[in-house]
Amino acid sequence: MTTSGSGRAASSPSEEERKAFRRSLAPLSAEAIRDKVLAGEYGHYDPGDPRRSDWRAREANREIKERQRKRELRPQWIGILLSTLLGLAALIVAILAYIKQR
């Protein structure tokens, strides 16, 4: 199925095609994905109107956004883990102090 232009952009891939494409993006860096999108290797890309872009270009952009979101959430997860460990340490110290008093 080879159509060009907006007809290709309007095509709707199957879920298997999407998953296979996402797997092919996994080993690439975000910069490499962005370079390929801008070079047109994933079909037509319209930065002004994403609806006119090929589904592979949109999917690649979604992958980049997801990676950025995960990277932005990393400090929050580290903070949650550290505060949990600190709370557990405080609880253990309190229990030990209580036992020692008795």
N, C-alpha and C. Protein backbone atom coordinates (compact mmCIF):
# COMPACT_ATOMS: atom_id res chain seq x y z
N MET A 1 0.84 -1.18 0.00
CA MET A 1 0.00 0.00 0.00
C MET A 1 0.88 1.24 0.00
N THR A 2 1.06 1.82 -1.13
CA THR A 2 1.89 3.02 -1.20
C THR A 2 1.06 4.15 -1.76
N THR A 3 0.70 5.02 -0.90
CA THR A 3 0.03 6.24 -1.32
C THR A 3 0.90 7.39 -0.89
N SER A 4 0.65 8.53 -1.41
CA SER A 4 1.53 9.65 -1.09
C SER A 4 0.73 10.80 -0.53
N GLY A 5 1.47 11.72 0.08
CA GLY A 5 0.86 12.94 0.58
C GLY A 5 -0.08 12.72 1.73
N SER A 6 -1.19 13.47 1.74
CA SER A 6 -2.11 13.42 2.86
C SER A 6 -2.87 12.11 2.91
N GLY A 7 -2.99 11.39 1.76
CA GLY A 7 -3.65 10.09 1.78
C GLY A 7 -2.89 9.11 2.65
N ARG A 8 -1.58 9.15 2.58
CA ARG A 8 -0.74 8.29 3.40
C ARG A 8 -0.85 8.70 4.86
N ALA A 9 -0.91 10.01 5.11
CA ALA A 9 -0.99 10.51 6.48
C ALA A 9 -2.30 10.10 7.12
N ALA A 10 -3.34 9.96 6.31
CA ALA A 10 -4.65 9.63 6.86
C ALA A 10 -4.79 8.14 7.12
N SER A 11 -3.87 7.30 6.61
CA SER A 11 -3.98 5.87 6.80
C SER A 11 -3.88 5.53 8.28
N SER A 12 -4.59 4.51 8.64
CA SER A 12 -4.61 4.10 10.04
C SER A 12 -3.96 2.72 10.16
N PRO A 13 -2.79 2.65 10.77
CA PRO A 13 -2.09 1.36 10.86
C PRO A 13 -2.74 0.47 11.91
N SER A 14 -2.47 -0.81 11.78
CA SER A 14 -2.98 -1.74 12.77
C SER A 14 -2.15 -1.63 14.05
N GLU A 15 -2.66 -2.17 15.12
CA GLU A 15 -1.96 -2.13 16.40
C GLU A 15 -0.63 -2.87 16.32
N GLU A 16 -0.58 -3.95 15.55
CA GLU A 16 0.67 -4.70 15.38
C GLU A 16 1.72 -3.86 14.67
N GLU A 17 1.29 -3.09 13.66
CA GLU A 17 2.22 -2.22 12.95
C GLU A 17 2.78 -1.14 13.88
N ARG A 18 1.92 -0.58 14.70
CA ARG A 18 2.36 0.44 15.66
C ARG A 18 3.39 -0.13 16.64
N LYS A 19 3.07 -1.31 17.18
CA LYS A 19 3.98 -1.94 18.14
C LYS A 19 5.32 -2.28 17.49
N ALA A 20 5.27 -2.80 16.28
CA ALA A 20 6.51 -3.14 15.56
C ALA A 20 7.33 -1.88 15.30
N PHE A 21 6.66 -0.80 14.94
CA PHE A 21 7.38 0.45 14.69
C PHE A 21 7.99 0.98 15.98
N ARG A 22 7.24 0.91 17.08
CA ARG A 22 7.76 1.37 18.38
C ARG A 22 8.99 0.54 18.79
N ARG A 23 8.94 -0.78 18.54
CA ARG A 23 10.09 -1.63 18.85
C ARG A 23 11.30 -1.24 18.02
N SER A 24 11.07 -0.83 16.78
CA SER A 24 12.20 -0.43 15.93
C SER A 24 12.80 0.89 16.40
N LEU A 25 12.03 1.71 17.13
CA LEU A 25 12.54 2.97 17.65
C LEU A 25 13.30 2.80 18.97
N ALA A 26 13.06 1.72 19.66
CA ALA A 26 13.63 1.52 21.00
C ALA A 26 15.15 1.66 21.07
N PRO A 27 15.92 1.09 20.15
CA PRO A 27 17.38 1.22 20.29
C PRO A 27 17.93 2.59 19.88
N LEU A 28 17.11 3.43 19.27
CA LEU A 28 17.58 4.73 18.79
C LEU A 28 17.50 5.79 19.88
N SER A 29 18.40 6.75 19.83
CA SER A 29 18.33 7.87 20.76
C SER A 29 17.25 8.84 20.28
N ALA A 30 16.83 9.73 21.17
CA ALA A 30 15.81 10.72 20.80
C ALA A 30 16.31 11.61 19.67
N GLU A 31 17.60 11.95 19.70
CA GLU A 31 18.17 12.80 18.65
C GLU A 31 18.15 12.09 17.30
N ALA A 32 18.47 10.80 17.30
CA ALA A 32 18.47 10.03 16.06
C ALA A 32 17.05 9.93 15.50
N ILE A 33 16.08 9.72 16.39
CA ILE A 33 14.68 9.66 15.94
C ILE A 33 14.27 10.99 15.34
N ARG A 34 14.60 12.08 16.04
CA ARG A 34 14.24 13.42 15.55
C ARG A 34 14.89 13.68 14.19
N ASP A 35 16.16 13.31 14.02
CA ASP A 35 16.84 13.51 12.75
C ASP A 35 16.14 12.75 11.62
N LYS A 36 15.73 11.52 11.90
CA LYS A 36 15.05 10.72 10.88
C LYS A 36 13.68 11.28 10.54
N VAL A 37 12.97 11.79 11.54
CA VAL A 37 11.66 12.41 11.28
C VAL A 37 11.84 13.63 10.38
N LEU A 38 12.80 14.48 10.72
CA LEU A 38 13.02 15.70 9.94
C LEU A 38 13.57 15.41 8.55
N ALA A 39 14.30 14.30 8.41
CA ALA A 39 14.83 13.93 7.10
C ALA A 39 13.76 13.26 6.23
N GLY A 40 12.62 12.95 6.81
CA GLY A 40 11.53 12.34 6.05
C GLY A 40 11.62 10.83 5.93
N GLU A 41 12.46 10.20 6.73
CA GLU A 41 12.60 8.74 6.65
C GLU A 41 11.35 8.02 7.17
N TYR A 42 10.54 8.69 7.95
CA TYR A 42 9.32 8.09 8.48
C TYR A 42 8.08 8.66 7.79
N GLY A 43 8.25 9.11 6.57
CA GLY A 43 7.14 9.65 5.80
C GLY A 43 7.07 11.16 5.95
N HIS A 44 6.02 11.72 5.37
CA HIS A 44 5.83 13.17 5.37
C HIS A 44 5.65 13.67 6.80
N TYR A 45 6.32 14.79 7.13
CA TYR A 45 6.20 15.41 8.45
C TYR A 45 5.81 16.87 8.27
N ASP A 46 4.69 17.26 8.85
CA ASP A 46 4.23 18.65 8.79
C ASP A 46 4.25 19.21 10.20
N PRO A 47 5.27 20.03 10.55
CA PRO A 47 5.35 20.55 11.91
C PRO A 47 4.23 21.51 12.25
N GLY A 48 3.60 22.12 11.26
CA GLY A 48 2.51 23.06 11.51
C GLY A 48 1.19 22.37 11.83
N ASP A 49 0.95 21.23 11.20
CA ASP A 49 -0.30 20.50 11.39
C ASP A 49 0.00 19.01 11.47
N PRO A 50 0.16 18.48 12.68
CA PRO A 50 0.52 17.06 12.83
C PRO A 50 -0.48 16.10 12.18
N ARG A 51 -1.72 16.53 12.00
CA ARG A 51 -2.72 15.65 11.38
C ARG A 51 -2.36 15.32 9.94
N ARG A 52 -1.58 16.17 9.31
CA ARG A 52 -1.17 15.94 7.93
C ARG A 52 0.11 15.14 7.82
N SER A 53 0.73 14.80 8.94
CA SER A 53 1.96 14.02 8.94
C SER A 53 1.64 12.54 8.82
N ASP A 54 2.60 11.79 8.33
CA ASP A 54 2.47 10.34 8.24
C ASP A 54 2.37 9.74 9.65
N TRP A 55 1.70 8.63 9.77
CA TRP A 55 1.49 8.03 11.10
C TRP A 55 2.81 7.66 11.77
N ARG A 56 3.81 7.28 10.96
CA ARG A 56 5.11 6.92 11.55
C ARG A 56 5.81 8.14 12.14
N ALA A 57 5.69 9.29 11.47
CA ALA A 57 6.28 10.52 12.00
C ALA A 57 5.58 10.92 13.31
N ARG A 58 4.25 10.79 13.34
CA ARG A 58 3.51 11.11 14.57
C ARG A 58 3.88 10.15 15.69
N GLU A 59 4.01 8.88 15.35
CA GLU A 59 4.37 7.87 16.35
C GLU A 59 5.78 8.11 16.89
N ALA A 60 6.69 8.51 16.02
CA ALA A 60 8.06 8.82 16.45
C ALA A 60 8.06 10.03 17.39
N ASN A 61 7.25 11.03 17.07
CA ASN A 61 7.14 12.20 17.95
C ASN A 61 6.54 11.82 19.30
N ARG A 62 5.58 10.92 19.30
CA ARG A 62 5.00 10.44 20.57
C ARG A 62 6.06 9.73 21.42
N GLU A 63 6.89 8.95 20.76
CA GLU A 63 7.97 8.24 21.46
C GLU A 63 8.94 9.22 22.10
N ILE A 64 9.29 10.27 21.37
CA ILE A 64 10.20 11.29 21.90
C ILE A 64 9.57 11.98 23.10
N LYS A 65 8.30 12.34 22.99
CA LYS A 65 7.60 13.00 24.10
C LYS A 65 7.52 12.10 25.32
N GLU A 66 7.27 10.81 25.10
CA GLU A 66 7.20 9.86 26.22
C GLU A 66 8.54 9.74 26.92
N ARG A 67 9.62 9.71 26.15
CA ARG A 67 10.95 9.65 26.75
C ARG A 67 11.25 10.91 27.56
N GLN A 68 10.86 12.07 27.03
CA GLN A 68 11.07 13.33 27.75
C GLN A 68 10.27 13.34 29.06
N ARG A 69 9.04 12.84 28.99
CA ARG A 69 8.19 12.80 30.19
C ARG A 69 8.80 11.90 31.26
N LYS A 70 9.30 10.75 30.86
CA LYS A 70 9.93 9.84 31.82
C LYS A 70 11.18 10.46 32.43
N ARG A 71 11.96 11.16 31.61
CA ARG A 71 13.16 11.82 32.11
C ARG A 71 12.81 12.92 33.10
N GLU A 72 11.74 13.65 32.83
CA GLU A 72 11.32 14.73 33.74
C GLU A 72 10.79 14.17 35.06
N LEU A 73 10.21 12.98 35.04
CA LEU A 73 9.66 12.38 36.25
C LEU A 73 10.71 11.69 37.12
N ARG A 74 11.88 11.44 36.57
CA ARG A 74 12.93 10.73 37.30
C ARG A 74 13.29 11.38 38.64
N PRO A 75 13.49 12.71 38.72
CA PRO A 75 13.81 13.31 40.03
C PRO A 75 12.70 13.13 41.07
N GLN A 76 11.45 13.15 40.63
CA GLN A 76 10.35 12.94 41.57
C GLN A 76 10.39 11.52 42.14
N TRP A 77 10.65 10.55 41.29
CA TRP A 77 10.72 9.17 41.77
C TRP A 77 11.90 8.97 42.72
N ILE A 78 13.01 9.61 42.41
CA ILE A 78 14.17 9.52 43.31
C ILE A 78 13.82 10.15 44.65
N GLY A 79 13.14 11.28 44.64
CA GLY A 79 12.71 11.93 45.87
C GLY A 79 11.76 11.07 46.68
N ILE A 80 10.82 10.42 46.01
CA ILE A 80 9.88 9.53 46.70
C ILE A 80 10.62 8.38 47.35
N LEU A 81 11.55 7.76 46.62
CA LEU A 81 12.32 6.64 47.18
C LEU A 81 13.17 7.09 48.37
N LEU A 82 13.87 8.22 48.23
CA LEU A 82 14.71 8.69 49.33
C LEU A 82 13.88 9.05 50.56
N SER A 83 12.75 9.70 50.37
CA SER A 83 11.92 10.06 51.52
C SER A 83 11.34 8.82 52.19
N THR A 84 11.01 7.80 51.42
CA THR A 84 10.51 6.55 51.99
C THR A 84 11.61 5.87 52.81
N LEU A 85 12.82 5.81 52.26
CA LEU A 85 13.93 5.21 52.99
C LEU A 85 14.26 6.00 54.25
N LEU A 86 14.21 7.31 54.18
CA LEU A 86 14.47 8.15 55.34
C LEU A 86 13.39 7.94 56.41
N GLY A 87 12.15 7.82 55.98
CA GLY A 87 11.06 7.55 56.92
C GLY A 87 11.22 6.20 57.59
N LEU A 88 11.61 5.18 56.82
CA LEU A 88 11.84 3.86 57.40
C LEU A 88 13.00 3.89 58.39
N ALA A 89 14.05 4.61 58.04
CA ALA A 89 15.19 4.72 58.96
C ALA A 89 14.77 5.42 60.25
N ALA A 90 13.97 6.46 60.15
CA ALA A 90 13.49 7.17 61.35
C ALA A 90 12.62 6.26 62.19
N LEU A 91 11.78 5.47 61.54
CA LEU A 91 10.93 4.53 62.27
C LEU A 91 11.77 3.48 63.00
N ILE A 92 12.78 2.95 62.36
CA ILE A 92 13.65 1.95 63.00
C ILE A 92 14.39 2.56 64.18
N VAL A 93 14.89 3.78 64.03
CA VAL A 93 15.58 4.46 65.13
C VAL A 93 14.62 4.69 66.29
N ALA A 94 13.40 5.08 66.00
CA ALA A 94 12.41 5.31 67.06
C ALA A 94 12.09 4.01 67.78
N ILE A 95 11.94 2.92 67.05
CA ILE A 95 11.64 1.62 67.66
C ILE A 95 12.82 1.19 68.54
N LEU A 96 14.04 1.33 68.03
CA LEU A 96 15.21 0.95 68.81
C LEU A 96 15.35 1.80 70.08
N ALA A 97 15.05 3.09 69.97
CA ALA A 97 15.11 3.96 71.14
C ALA A 97 14.05 3.56 72.16
N TYR A 98 12.88 3.20 71.71
CA TYR A 98 11.81 2.77 72.61
C TYR A 98 12.18 1.47 73.32
N ILE A 99 12.76 0.53 72.57
CA ILE A 99 13.17 -0.75 73.16
C ILE A 99 14.28 -0.53 74.18
N LYS A 100 15.20 0.33 73.89
CA LYS A 100 16.33 0.60 74.79
C LYS A 100 15.86 1.25 76.08
N GLN A 101 14.80 2.06 76.04
CA GLN A 101 14.27 2.71 77.23
C GLN A 101 13.64 1.71 78.19
N ARG A 102 13.10 0.67 77.70
CA ARG A 102 12.39 -0.30 78.53
C ARG A 102 13.35 -1.12 79.27
